[in-house]
Amino acid sequence: MDGRFKDKPDETAPSPAKVQWHGRVLWLGIGCIRGTEKAVIDRAIRAVFERYHLSLAAIAGIATLDIKADERGLIAYCQEKGLPLKTFTAQELRDIKVPNPSAIVNEDMGTPSVAEAAALKMGETLLVSKQIEAKSVTVAVSLAAREYRG
């Protein structure tokens, strides 16, 4: 015997290819201060996904309050990532039970929640309650029962 183990893997050989598939089942509820740039929104989403060990490839889309439908940073983010932007009126979000309602948001927007409520309008289970990033972006993540196929 030449001293090498025959059943030990050859560490110089290339590793077999790995494939990961992520169904588009995560919906992001987003709230942001008017004029928030795409880069700030992107960093906020990445920070939340890293913190909670979620895959960006599993994002189905973004949901928010209808007054954010013209928010340039959100629109640019969705366009760059090929994601739909779904919007809801304050009335549509108002009655959704969320773990972290806000009296200030309710006073300003007419609903006690934007990010969590919008996420729950699109998904069934809230995976990540609202996370405030960079003092200007609120992110919540929900899980949909089915993959979004646009």
C-alpha atoms as a PDB file:
ATOM      1  CA  MET A   1       0.000   0.000   0.000  1.00  0.00           C
ATOM      2  CA  ASP A   2       1.329   3.425  -0.901  1.00  0.00           C
ATOM      3  CA  GLY A   3       0.022   5.211   2.232  1.00  0.00           C
ATOM      4  CA  ARG A   4      -2.953   6.975   0.572  1.00  0.00           C
ATOM      5  CA  PHE A   5      -6.528   6.108   1.397  1.00  0.00           C
ATOM      6  CA  LYS A   6      -8.380   4.980  -1.690  1.00  0.00           C
ATOM      7  CA  ASP A   7     -11.832   5.980  -0.368  1.00  0.00           C
ATOM      8  CA  LYS A   8     -10.799   9.516   0.541  1.00  0.00           C
ATOM      9  CA  PRO A   9     -12.076  12.095  -1.989  1.00  0.00           C
ATOM     10  CA  ASP A  10      -9.549  13.758  -4.221  1.00  0.00           C
ATOM     11  CA  GLU A  11      -9.502  17.342  -2.926  1.00  0.00           C
ATOM     12  CA  THR A  12      -8.045  18.627  -6.186  1.00  0.00           C
ATOM     13  CA  ALA A  13     -10.946  17.324  -8.267  1.00  0.00           C
ATOM     14  CA  PRO A  14     -13.641  19.871  -9.123  1.00  0.00           C
ATOM     15  CA  SER A  15     -16.751  19.559  -6.977  1.00  0.00           C
ATOM     16  CA  PRO A  16     -19.943  18.463  -8.684  1.00  0.00           C
ATOM     17  CA  ALA A  17     -22.231  21.270  -9.821  1.00  0.00           C
ATOM     18  CA  LYS A  18     -24.845  22.361  -7.296  1.00  0.00           C
ATOM     19  CA  VAL A  19     -28.237  23.625  -8.307  1.00  0.00           C
ATOM     20  CA  GLN A  20     -30.578  25.548  -6.053  1.00  0.00           C
ATOM     21  CA  TRP A  21     -34.123  26.357  -6.993  1.00  0.00           C
ATOM     22  CA  HIS A  22     -36.251  28.881  -5.119  1.00  0.00           C
ATOM     23  CA  GLY A  23     -39.933  29.190  -5.830  1.00  0.00           C
ATOM     24  CA  ARG A  24     -41.142  32.773  -5.950  1.00  0.00           C
ATOM     25  CA  VAL A  25     -43.165  32.597  -2.737  1.00  0.00           C
ATOM     26  CA  LEU A  26     -41.973  35.547  -0.651  1.00  0.00           C
ATOM     27  CA  TRP A  27     -43.810  38.861  -0.779  1.00  0.00           C
ATOM     28  CA  LEU A  28     -42.231  42.002   0.579  1.00  0.00           C
ATOM     29  CA  GLY A  29     -44.350  44.620   2.239  1.00  0.00           C
ATOM     30  CA  ILE A  30     -42.475  47.894   1.883  1.00  0.00           C
ATOM     31  CA  GLY A  31     -42.969  51.283   3.443  1.00  0.00           C
ATOM     32  CA  CYS A  32     -40.549  54.109   2.779  1.00  0.00           C
ATOM     33  CA  ILE A  33     -40.041  57.798   3.223  1.00  0.00           C
ATOM     34  CA  ARG A  34     -40.925  59.774   0.098  1.00  0.00           C
ATOM     35  CA  GLY A  35     -37.945  60.040  -2.249  1.00  0.00           C
ATOM     36  CA  THR A  36     -36.022  57.033  -0.914  1.00  0.00           C
ATOM     37  CA  GLU A  37     -33.512  55.961  -3.548  1.00  0.00           C
ATOM     38  CA  LYS A  38     -33.455  52.517  -5.158  1.00  0.00           C
ATOM     39  CA  ALA A  39     -30.007  51.788  -3.701  1.00  0.00           C
ATOM     40  CA  VAL A  40     -31.283  52.398  -0.168  1.00  0.00           C
ATOM     41  CA  ILE A  41     -34.292  50.127  -0.758  1.00  0.00           C
ATOM     42  CA  ASP A  42     -32.012  47.467  -2.218  1.00  0.00           C
ATOM     43  CA  ARG A  43     -29.645  47.601   0.777  1.00  0.00           C
ATOM     44  CA  ALA A  44     -32.573  47.432   3.198  1.00  0.00           C
ATOM     45  CA  ILE A  45     -34.031  44.352   1.511  1.00  0.00           C
ATOM     46  CA  ARG A  46     -30.616  42.665   1.334  1.00  0.00           C
ATOM     47  CA  ALA A  47     -29.975  43.358   5.021  1.00  0.00           C
ATOM     48  CA  VAL A  48     -33.281  41.805   6.075  1.00  0.00           C
ATOM     49  CA  PHE A  49     -32.804  38.780   3.819  1.00  0.00           C
ATOM     50  CA  GLU A  50     -29.282  38.228   5.109  1.00  0.00           C
ATOM     51  CA  ARG A  51     -30.369  38.593   8.742  1.00  0.00           C
ATOM     52  CA  TYR A  52     -33.181  36.043   8.325  1.00  0.00           C
ATOM     53  CA  HIS A  53     -31.294  33.709   5.943  1.00  0.00           C
ATOM     54  CA  LEU A  54     -33.777  34.155   3.089  1.00  0.00           C
ATOM     55  CA  SER A  55     -33.023  33.894  -0.619  1.00  0.00           C
ATOM     56  CA  LEU A  56     -33.508  36.963  -2.783  1.00  0.00           C
ATOM     57  CA  ALA A  57     -34.359  34.545  -5.612  1.00  0.00           C
ATOM     58  CA  ALA A  58     -37.562  33.623  -3.735  1.00  0.00           C
ATOM     59  CA  ILE A  59     -39.035  37.136  -3.929  1.00  0.00           C
ATOM     60  CA  ALA A  60     -42.355  37.099  -5.763  1.00  0.00           C
ATOM     61  CA  GLY A  61     -42.989  40.837  -5.617  1.00  0.00           C
ATOM     62  CA  ILE A  62     -43.416  44.023  -3.631  1.00  0.00           C
ATOM     63  CA  ALA A  63     -46.620  45.199  -1.970  1.00  0.00           C
ATOM     64  CA  THR A  64     -47.256  48.653  -0.531  1.00  0.00           C
ATOM     65  CA  LEU A  65     -49.729  51.461   0.003  1.00  0.00           C
ATOM     66  CA  ASP A  66     -51.265  52.938  -3.155  1.00  0.00           C
ATOM     67  CA  ILE A  67     -49.806  56.396  -2.499  1.00  0.00           C
ATOM     68  CA  LYS A  68     -46.376  54.789  -3.052  1.00  0.00           C
ATOM     69  CA  ALA A  69     -47.304  53.642  -6.581  1.00  0.00           C
ATOM     70  CA  ASP A  70     -45.298  56.523  -8.052  1.00  0.00           C
ATOM     71  CA  GLU A  71     -42.311  56.156  -5.714  1.00  0.00           C
ATOM     72  CA  ARG A  72     -39.315  56.250  -8.075  1.00  0.00           C
ATOM     73  CA  GLY A  73     -37.012  54.142  -5.889  1.00  0.00           C
ATOM     74  CA  LEU A  74     -39.600  51.364  -5.539  1.00  0.00           C
ATOM     75  CA  ILE A  75     -40.461  51.442  -9.227  1.00  0.00           C
ATOM     76  CA  ALA A  76     -36.790  51.332 -10.220  1.00  0.00           C
ATOM     77  CA  TYR A  77     -36.105  48.433  -7.831  1.00  0.00           C
ATOM     78  CA  CYS A  78     -39.037  46.422  -9.195  1.00  0.00           C
ATOM     79  CA  GLN A  79     -38.053  47.135 -12.806  1.00  0.00           C
ATOM     80  CA  GLU A  80     -34.432  46.151 -12.224  1.00  0.00           C
ATOM     81  CA  LYS A  81     -35.419  42.894 -10.495  1.00  0.00           C
ATOM     82  CA  GLY A  82     -38.363  42.097 -12.777  1.00  0.00           C
ATOM     83  CA  LEU A  83     -40.843  42.142  -9.888  1.00  0.00           C
ATOM     84  CA  PRO A  84     -44.471  43.245  -9.794  1.00  0.00           C
ATOM     85  CA  LEU A  85     -45.447  46.179  -7.593  1.00  0.00           C
ATOM     86  CA  LYS A  86     -48.872  45.602  -6.011  1.00  0.00           C
ATOM     87  CA  THR A  87     -50.572  48.499  -4.261  1.00  0.00           C
ATOM     88  CA  PHE A  88     -53.478  48.686  -1.840  1.00  0.00           C
ATOM     89  CA  THR A  89     -55.576  51.501  -0.435  1.00  0.00           C
ATOM     90  CA  ALA A  90     -55.395  52.387   3.245  1.00  0.00           C
ATOM     91  CA  GLN A  91     -58.926  51.026   3.549  1.00  0.00           C
ATOM     92  CA  GLU A  92     -57.813  47.646   2.140  1.00  0.00           C
ATOM     93  CA  LEU A  93     -54.941  47.458   4.644  1.00  0.00           C
ATOM     94  CA  ARG A  94     -56.703  48.932   7.663  1.00  0.00           C
ATOM     95  CA  ASP A  95     -58.435  45.797   8.957  1.00  0.00           C
ATOM     96  CA  ILE A  96     -55.565  43.352   8.529  1.00  0.00           C
ATOM     97  CA  LYS A  97     -54.363  42.110  11.912  1.00  0.00           C
ATOM     98  CA  VAL A  98     -50.637  42.747  12.285  1.00  0.00           C
ATOM     99  CA  PRO A  99     -48.263  42.193  15.208  1.00  0.00           C
ATOM    100  CA  ASN A 100     -46.875  45.734  15.190  1.00  0.00           C
ATOM    101  CA  PRO A 101     -49.514  48.367  14.440  1.00  0.00           C
ATOM    102  CA  SER A 102     -48.395  51.989  14.579  1.00  0.00           C
ATOM    103  CA  ALA A 103     -50.524  54.886  15.791  1.00  0.00           C
ATOM    104  CA  ILE A 104     -48.248  57.317  13.914  1.00  0.00           C
ATOM    105  CA  VAL A 105     -48.639  55.438  10.611  1.00  0.00           C
ATOM    106  CA  ASN A 106     -52.386  55.244  11.237  1.00  0.00           C
ATOM    107  CA  GLU A 107     -52.557  59.007  11.771  1.00  0.00           C
ATOM    108  CA  ASP A 108     -50.428  59.792   8.694  1.00  0.00           C
ATOM    109  CA  MET A 109     -51.591  57.095   6.267  1.00  0.00           C
ATOM    110  CA  GLY A 110     -55.045  56.060   7.465  1.00  0.00           C
ATOM    111  CA  THR A 111     -53.953  52.501   8.286  1.00  0.00           C
ATOM    112  CA  PRO A 112     -52.063  51.182  11.325  1.00  0.00           C
ATOM    113  CA  SER A 113     -49.719  49.195   9.096  1.00  0.00           C
ATOM    114  CA  VAL A 114     -48.214  49.439   5.642  1.00  0.00           C
ATOM    115  CA  ALA A 115     -45.363  46.922   5.385  1.00  0.00           C
ATOM    116  CA  GLU A 116     -46.846  44.080   7.454  1.00  0.00           C
ATOM    117  CA  ALA A 117     -50.394  44.550   6.184  1.00  0.00           C
ATOM    118  CA  ALA A 118     -49.308  44.792   2.529  1.00  0.00           C
ATOM    119  CA  ALA A 119     -47.142  41.686   2.899  1.00  0.00           C
ATOM    120  CA  LEU A 120     -50.098  39.805   4.415  1.00  0.00           C
ATOM    121  CA  LYS A 121     -52.408  40.916   1.581  1.00  0.00           C
ATOM    122  CA  MET A 122     -50.193  38.888  -0.762  1.00  0.00           C
ATOM    123  CA  GLY A 123     -48.996  36.075   1.485  1.00  0.00           C
ATOM    124  CA  GLU A 124     -50.616  33.950   4.142  1.00  0.00           C
ATOM    125  CA  THR A 125     -47.957  33.865   6.837  1.00  0.00           C
ATOM    126  CA  LEU A 126     -45.816  36.709   8.107  1.00  0.00           C
ATOM    127  CA  LEU A 127     -42.253  35.341   8.185  1.00  0.00           C
ATOM    128  CA  VAL A 128     -40.514  38.585   9.120  1.00  0.00           C
ATOM    129  CA  SER A 129     -42.321  41.324  11.004  1.00  0.00           C
ATOM    130  CA  LYS A 130     -41.507  44.894  10.098  1.00  0.00           C
ATOM    131  CA  GLN A 131     -37.842  45.777  10.090  1.00  0.00           C
ATOM    132  CA  ILE A 132     -36.847  49.423   9.861  1.00  0.00           C
ATOM    133  CA  GLU A 133     -33.662  49.874   7.854  1.00  0.00           C
ATOM    134  CA  ALA A 134     -31.616  53.018   7.218  1.00  0.00           C
ATOM    135  CA  LYS A 135     -34.306  55.001   9.101  1.00  0.00           C
ATOM    136  CA  SER A 136     -36.245  55.271   5.836  1.00  0.00           C
ATOM    137  CA  VAL A 137     -37.371  51.810   4.673  1.00  0.00           C
ATOM    138  CA  THR A 138     -39.656  49.355   6.450  1.00  0.00           C
ATOM    139  CA  VAL A 139     -39.566  45.759   5.215  1.00  0.00           C
ATOM    140  CA  ALA A 140     -41.871  42.870   6.145  1.00  0.00           C
ATOM    141  CA  VAL A 141     -41.845  39.430   4.490  1.00  0.00           C
ATOM    142  CA  SER A 142     -44.730  37.020   4.030  1.00  0.00           C
ATOM    143  CA  LEU A 143     -44.930  33.518   2.639  1.00  0.00           C
ATOM    144  CA  ALA A 144     -47.518  32.770  -0.039  1.00  0.00           C
ATOM    145  CA  ALA A 145     -49.190  29.369  -0.293  1.00  0.00           C
ATOM    146  CA  ARG A 146     -48.367  29.157  -4.009  1.00  0.00           C
ATOM    147  CA  GLU A 147     -45.543  30.284  -6.211  1.00  0.00           C
ATOM    148  CA  TYR A 148     -46.181  33.547  -8.043  1.00  0.00           C
ATOM    149  CA  ARG A 149     -46.011  33.040 -11.795  1.00  0.00           C
ATOM    150  CA  GLY A 150     -46.965  36.540 -12.912  1.00  0.00           C
END
